[in-house]
């Protein structure tokens, strides 16, 4: 990873690009959801979910490649564009927000494993995601 890649706060003009990163990463890691389900989530992610939290991003050549959305130190979502996986971006974003808790889809085994590798432990589960869909969520803390 290029150490010159800084982290900056996202703005409204970033929402389309962040939603694109979200969709590519979700298609890569959310095998438990179908393509139609993921595509149907785009308006919620872009217009409701992302604007409801503080979002920080990392860019490559002026384009977002990873981002974290948080309420304080609670991470609601963290996505890295698949070509940039395993470059330390997720770890940097967690550190940037001082993450102490996170929610992740129970079916996202890669994500759950990543958070466990960062020192998080499961504290509870929820039966529905933020959109109210019946996808179980794991809440982890450190």
C-alpha atoms as a PDB file:
ATOM      1  CA  UNK A   1       0.000   0.000   0.000  1.00  0.00           C
ATOM      2  CA  UNK A   2       1.186   3.494  -0.801  1.00  0.00           C
ATOM      3  CA  UNK A   3       1.828   5.220   2.550  1.00  0.00           C
ATOM      4  CA  UNK A   4       0.867   8.540   0.960  1.00  0.00           C
ATOM      5  CA  UNK A   5      -2.757   7.443   0.816  1.00  0.00           C
ATOM      6  CA  UNK A   6      -4.391   9.528   3.482  1.00  0.00           C
ATOM      7  CA  UNK A   7      -7.710   9.186   5.202  1.00  0.00           C
ATOM      8  CA  UNK A   8     -10.246  11.952   4.762  1.00  0.00           C
ATOM      9  CA  UNK A   9     -13.823  12.519   5.758  1.00  0.00           C
ATOM     10  CA  UNK A  10     -16.350  11.723   3.046  1.00  0.00           C
ATOM     11  CA  UNK A  11     -18.788  14.293   1.756  1.00  0.00           C
ATOM     12  CA  UNK A  12     -22.022  14.216  -0.184  1.00  0.00           C
ATOM     13  CA  UNK A  13     -20.105  14.267  -3.481  1.00  0.00           C
ATOM     14  CA  UNK A  14     -18.520  10.915  -2.515  1.00  0.00           C
ATOM     15  CA  UNK A  15     -21.781   9.002  -1.988  1.00  0.00           C
ATOM     16  CA  UNK A  16     -22.032   7.497  -5.479  1.00  0.00           C
ATOM     17  CA  UNK A  17     -18.420   6.279  -5.479  1.00  0.00           C
ATOM     18  CA  UNK A  18     -18.735   4.915  -1.927  1.00  0.00           C
ATOM     19  CA  UNK A  19     -21.889   3.062  -2.893  1.00  0.00           C
ATOM     20  CA  UNK A  20     -20.005   1.555  -5.839  1.00  0.00           C
ATOM     21  CA  UNK A  21     -17.228   0.377  -3.488  1.00  0.00           C
ATOM     22  CA  UNK A  22     -19.881  -1.019  -1.137  1.00  0.00           C
ATOM     23  CA  UNK A  23     -21.566  -2.937  -3.965  1.00  0.00           C
ATOM     24  CA  UNK A  24     -18.350  -4.456  -5.333  1.00  0.00           C
ATOM     25  CA  UNK A  25     -17.197  -5.468  -1.855  1.00  0.00           C
ATOM     26  CA  UNK A  26     -20.637  -6.799  -0.885  1.00  0.00           C
ATOM     27  CA  UNK A  27     -20.799  -8.941  -4.031  1.00  0.00           C
ATOM     28  CA  UNK A  28     -17.371 -10.315  -3.080  1.00  0.00           C
ATOM     29  CA  UNK A  29     -18.102 -11.077   0.584  1.00  0.00           C
ATOM     30  CA  UNK A  30     -21.865 -11.512   0.922  1.00  0.00           C
ATOM     31  CA  UNK A  31     -22.492 -14.853  -0.789  1.00  0.00           C
ATOM     32  CA  UNK A  32     -25.523 -15.279   1.492  1.00  0.00           C
ATOM     33  CA  UNK A  33     -27.258 -12.445  -0.414  1.00  0.00           C
ATOM     34  CA  UNK A  34     -28.295 -12.648  -4.009  1.00  0.00           C
ATOM     35  CA  UNK A  35     -27.332 -10.089  -6.641  1.00  0.00           C
ATOM     36  CA  UNK A  36     -30.871  -8.685  -6.690  1.00  0.00           C
ATOM     37  CA  UNK A  37     -30.808  -8.210  -2.907  1.00  0.00           C
ATOM     38  CA  UNK A  38     -27.506  -6.336  -3.074  1.00  0.00           C
ATOM     39  CA  UNK A  39     -28.631  -4.184  -6.004  1.00  0.00           C
ATOM     40  CA  UNK A  40     -31.869  -3.406  -4.167  1.00  0.00           C
ATOM     41  CA  UNK A  41     -29.878  -2.094  -1.191  1.00  0.00           C
ATOM     42  CA  UNK A  42     -28.081   0.616  -3.206  1.00  0.00           C
ATOM     43  CA  UNK A  43     -30.665   3.378  -2.610  1.00  0.00           C
ATOM     44  CA  UNK A  44     -30.782   2.660   1.138  1.00  0.00           C
ATOM     45  CA  UNK A  45     -26.977   2.624   1.423  1.00  0.00           C
ATOM     46  CA  UNK A  46     -26.506   5.805  -0.599  1.00  0.00           C
ATOM     47  CA  UNK A  47     -29.460   7.913   0.493  1.00  0.00           C
ATOM     48  CA  UNK A  48     -30.122   6.836   4.079  1.00  0.00           C
ATOM     49  CA  UNK A  49     -27.435   4.705   5.678  1.00  0.00           C
ATOM     50  CA  UNK A  50     -24.193   6.466   4.686  1.00  0.00           C
ATOM     51  CA  UNK A  51     -25.562   9.984   5.390  1.00  0.00           C
ATOM     52  CA  UNK A  52     -26.609   8.863   8.888  1.00  0.00           C
ATOM     53  CA  UNK A  53     -23.030   8.439  10.145  1.00  0.00           C
ATOM     54  CA  UNK A  54     -19.500   9.813   9.953  1.00  0.00           C
ATOM     55  CA  UNK A  55     -17.742   8.269   6.967  1.00  0.00           C
ATOM     56  CA  UNK A  56     -13.985   8.254   6.402  1.00  0.00           C
ATOM     57  CA  UNK A  57     -12.344   7.054   3.195  1.00  0.00           C
ATOM     58  CA  UNK A  58      -9.064   6.182   1.529  1.00  0.00           C
ATOM     59  CA  UNK A  59      -8.494   7.079  -2.131  1.00  0.00           C
ATOM     60  CA  UNK A  60      -6.315   5.794  -4.935  1.00  0.00           C
ATOM     61  CA  UNK A  61      -5.794   8.241  -7.811  1.00  0.00           C
ATOM     62  CA  UNK A  62      -8.659  10.364  -6.479  1.00  0.00           C
ATOM     63  CA  UNK A  63     -11.160   7.486  -6.275  1.00  0.00           C
ATOM     64  CA  UNK A  64     -12.408   5.944  -3.017  1.00  0.00           C
ATOM     65  CA  UNK A  65     -11.108   2.414  -2.501  1.00  0.00           C
ATOM     66  CA  UNK A  66     -12.064   1.820   1.139  1.00  0.00           C
ATOM     67  CA  UNK A  67     -14.266   3.423   3.754  1.00  0.00           C
ATOM     68  CA  UNK A  68     -15.572   3.115   7.283  1.00  0.00           C
ATOM     69  CA  UNK A  69     -18.874   4.446   8.595  1.00  0.00           C
ATOM     70  CA  UNK A  70     -19.164   4.971  12.324  1.00  0.00           C
ATOM     71  CA  UNK A  71     -21.114   6.535  15.124  1.00  0.00           C
ATOM     72  CA  UNK A  72     -18.306   7.576  17.439  1.00  0.00           C
ATOM     73  CA  UNK A  73     -16.209   4.455  18.010  1.00  0.00           C
ATOM     74  CA  UNK A  74     -18.969   2.046  16.903  1.00  0.00           C
ATOM     75  CA  UNK A  75     -18.348   0.854  13.341  1.00  0.00           C
ATOM     76  CA  UNK A  76     -21.523   0.349  11.334  1.00  0.00           C
ATOM     77  CA  UNK A  77     -19.774  -0.680   8.144  1.00  0.00           C
ATOM     78  CA  UNK A  78     -16.302  -1.028   6.688  1.00  0.00           C
ATOM     79  CA  UNK A  79     -15.746  -1.927   3.054  1.00  0.00           C
ATOM     80  CA  UNK A  80     -12.610  -2.263   0.955  1.00  0.00           C
ATOM     81  CA  UNK A  81     -12.744  -2.538  -2.827  1.00  0.00           C
ATOM     82  CA  UNK A  82     -11.746  -6.164  -3.589  1.00  0.00           C
ATOM     83  CA  UNK A  83      -8.568  -5.336  -5.579  1.00  0.00           C
ATOM     84  CA  UNK A  84      -7.272  -3.549  -2.468  1.00  0.00           C
ATOM     85  CA  UNK A  85      -7.975  -6.304   0.083  1.00  0.00           C
ATOM     86  CA  UNK A  86      -5.058  -7.310   2.321  1.00  0.00           C
ATOM     87  CA  UNK A  87      -3.284  -3.937   2.011  1.00  0.00           C
ATOM     88  CA  UNK A  88      -3.959  -2.840   5.602  1.00  0.00           C
ATOM     89  CA  UNK A  89      -6.692  -0.363   4.686  1.00  0.00           C
ATOM     90  CA  UNK A  90      -9.318  -1.860   6.978  1.00  0.00           C
ATOM     91  CA  UNK A  91      -6.880  -1.887   9.878  1.00  0.00           C
ATOM     92  CA  UNK A  92      -5.972   1.774   9.245  1.00  0.00           C
ATOM     93  CA  UNK A  93      -9.622   2.818   9.070  1.00  0.00           C
ATOM     94  CA  UNK A  94     -10.464   0.995  12.317  1.00  0.00           C
ATOM     95  CA  UNK A  95      -7.568   2.763  14.030  1.00  0.00           C
ATOM     96  CA  UNK A  96      -8.634   6.111  12.588  1.00  0.00           C
ATOM     97  CA  UNK A  97     -12.060   5.950  14.247  1.00  0.00           C
ATOM     98  CA  UNK A  98     -10.707   4.306  17.410  1.00  0.00           C
ATOM     99  CA  UNK A  99     -13.109   1.408  16.883  1.00  0.00           C
ATOM    100  CA  UNK A 100     -14.287  -0.332  20.045  1.00  0.00           C
ATOM    101  CA  UNK A 101     -17.355  -2.082  18.636  1.00  0.00           C
ATOM    102  CA  UNK A 102     -18.600  -3.254  15.261  1.00  0.00           C
ATOM    103  CA  UNK A 103     -21.550  -4.984  13.617  1.00  0.00           C
ATOM    104  CA  UNK A 104     -21.013  -7.419  10.770  1.00  0.00           C
ATOM    105  CA  UNK A 105     -23.235  -9.840   8.906  1.00  0.00           C
ATOM    106  CA  UNK A 106     -22.985 -13.275  10.521  1.00  0.00           C
ATOM    107  CA  UNK A 107     -22.769 -14.743   7.004  1.00  0.00           C
ATOM    108  CA  UNK A 108     -19.725 -12.620   6.152  1.00  0.00           C
ATOM    109  CA  UNK A 109     -17.146 -15.102   7.419  1.00  0.00           C
ATOM    110  CA  UNK A 110     -14.245 -13.073   6.010  1.00  0.00           C
ATOM    111  CA  UNK A 111     -15.425  -9.953   7.833  1.00  0.00           C
ATOM    112  CA  UNK A 112     -16.024 -11.772  11.117  1.00  0.00           C
ATOM    113  CA  UNK A 113     -12.541 -13.307  10.850  1.00  0.00           C
ATOM    114  CA  UNK A 114     -10.988  -9.916  10.097  1.00  0.00           C
ATOM    115  CA  UNK A 115     -12.548  -8.303  13.160  1.00  0.00           C
ATOM    116  CA  UNK A 116     -11.492 -11.219  15.363  1.00  0.00           C
ATOM    117  CA  UNK A 117      -7.929 -10.815  14.060  1.00  0.00           C
ATOM    118  CA  UNK A 118      -8.144  -7.190  15.192  1.00  0.00           C
ATOM    119  CA  UNK A 119      -8.951  -8.222  18.770  1.00  0.00           C
ATOM    120  CA  UNK A 120     -12.744  -8.062  18.650  1.00  0.00           C
ATOM    121  CA  UNK A 121     -14.871 -10.694  20.408  1.00  0.00           C
ATOM    122  CA  UNK A 122     -18.530 -11.494  19.872  1.00  0.00           C
ATOM    123  CA  UNK A 123     -20.842 -10.038  22.529  1.00  0.00           C
ATOM    124  CA  UNK A 124     -24.285 -10.586  20.987  1.00  0.00           C
ATOM    125  CA  UNK A 125     -26.289 -11.218  17.831  1.00  0.00           C
ATOM    126  CA  UNK A 126     -29.233  -9.482  16.224  1.00  0.00           C
ATOM    127  CA  UNK A 127     -31.732 -11.205  13.938  1.00  0.00           C
ATOM    128  CA  UNK A 128     -32.057  -8.334  11.418  1.00  0.00           C
ATOM    129  CA  UNK A 129     -29.732  -5.921   9.649  1.00  0.00           C
ATOM    130  CA  UNK A 130     -29.996  -2.111   9.697  1.00  0.00           C
ATOM    131  CA  UNK A 131     -32.556  -2.204   6.881  1.00  0.00           C
ATOM    132  CA  UNK A 132     -34.765  -4.597   8.863  1.00  0.00           C
ATOM    133  CA  UNK A 133     -34.034  -7.570   6.609  1.00  0.00           C
ATOM    134  CA  UNK A 134     -33.745 -11.064   8.138  1.00  0.00           C
ATOM    135  CA  UNK A 135     -29.954 -11.262   7.892  1.00  0.00           C
ATOM    136  CA  UNK A 136     -28.382 -12.011  11.300  1.00  0.00           C
ATOM    137  CA  UNK A 137     -25.756  -9.598  12.563  1.00  0.00           C
ATOM    138  CA  UNK A 138     -22.860 -10.212  14.946  1.00  0.00           C
ATOM    139  CA  UNK A 139     -21.894  -7.452  17.383  1.00  0.00           C
ATOM    140  CA  UNK A 140     -18.238  -7.549  18.431  1.00  0.00           C
ATOM    141  CA  UNK A 141     -16.286  -5.430  20.903  1.00  0.00           C
ATOM    142  CA  UNK A 142     -12.697  -4.949  22.022  1.00  0.00           C
END
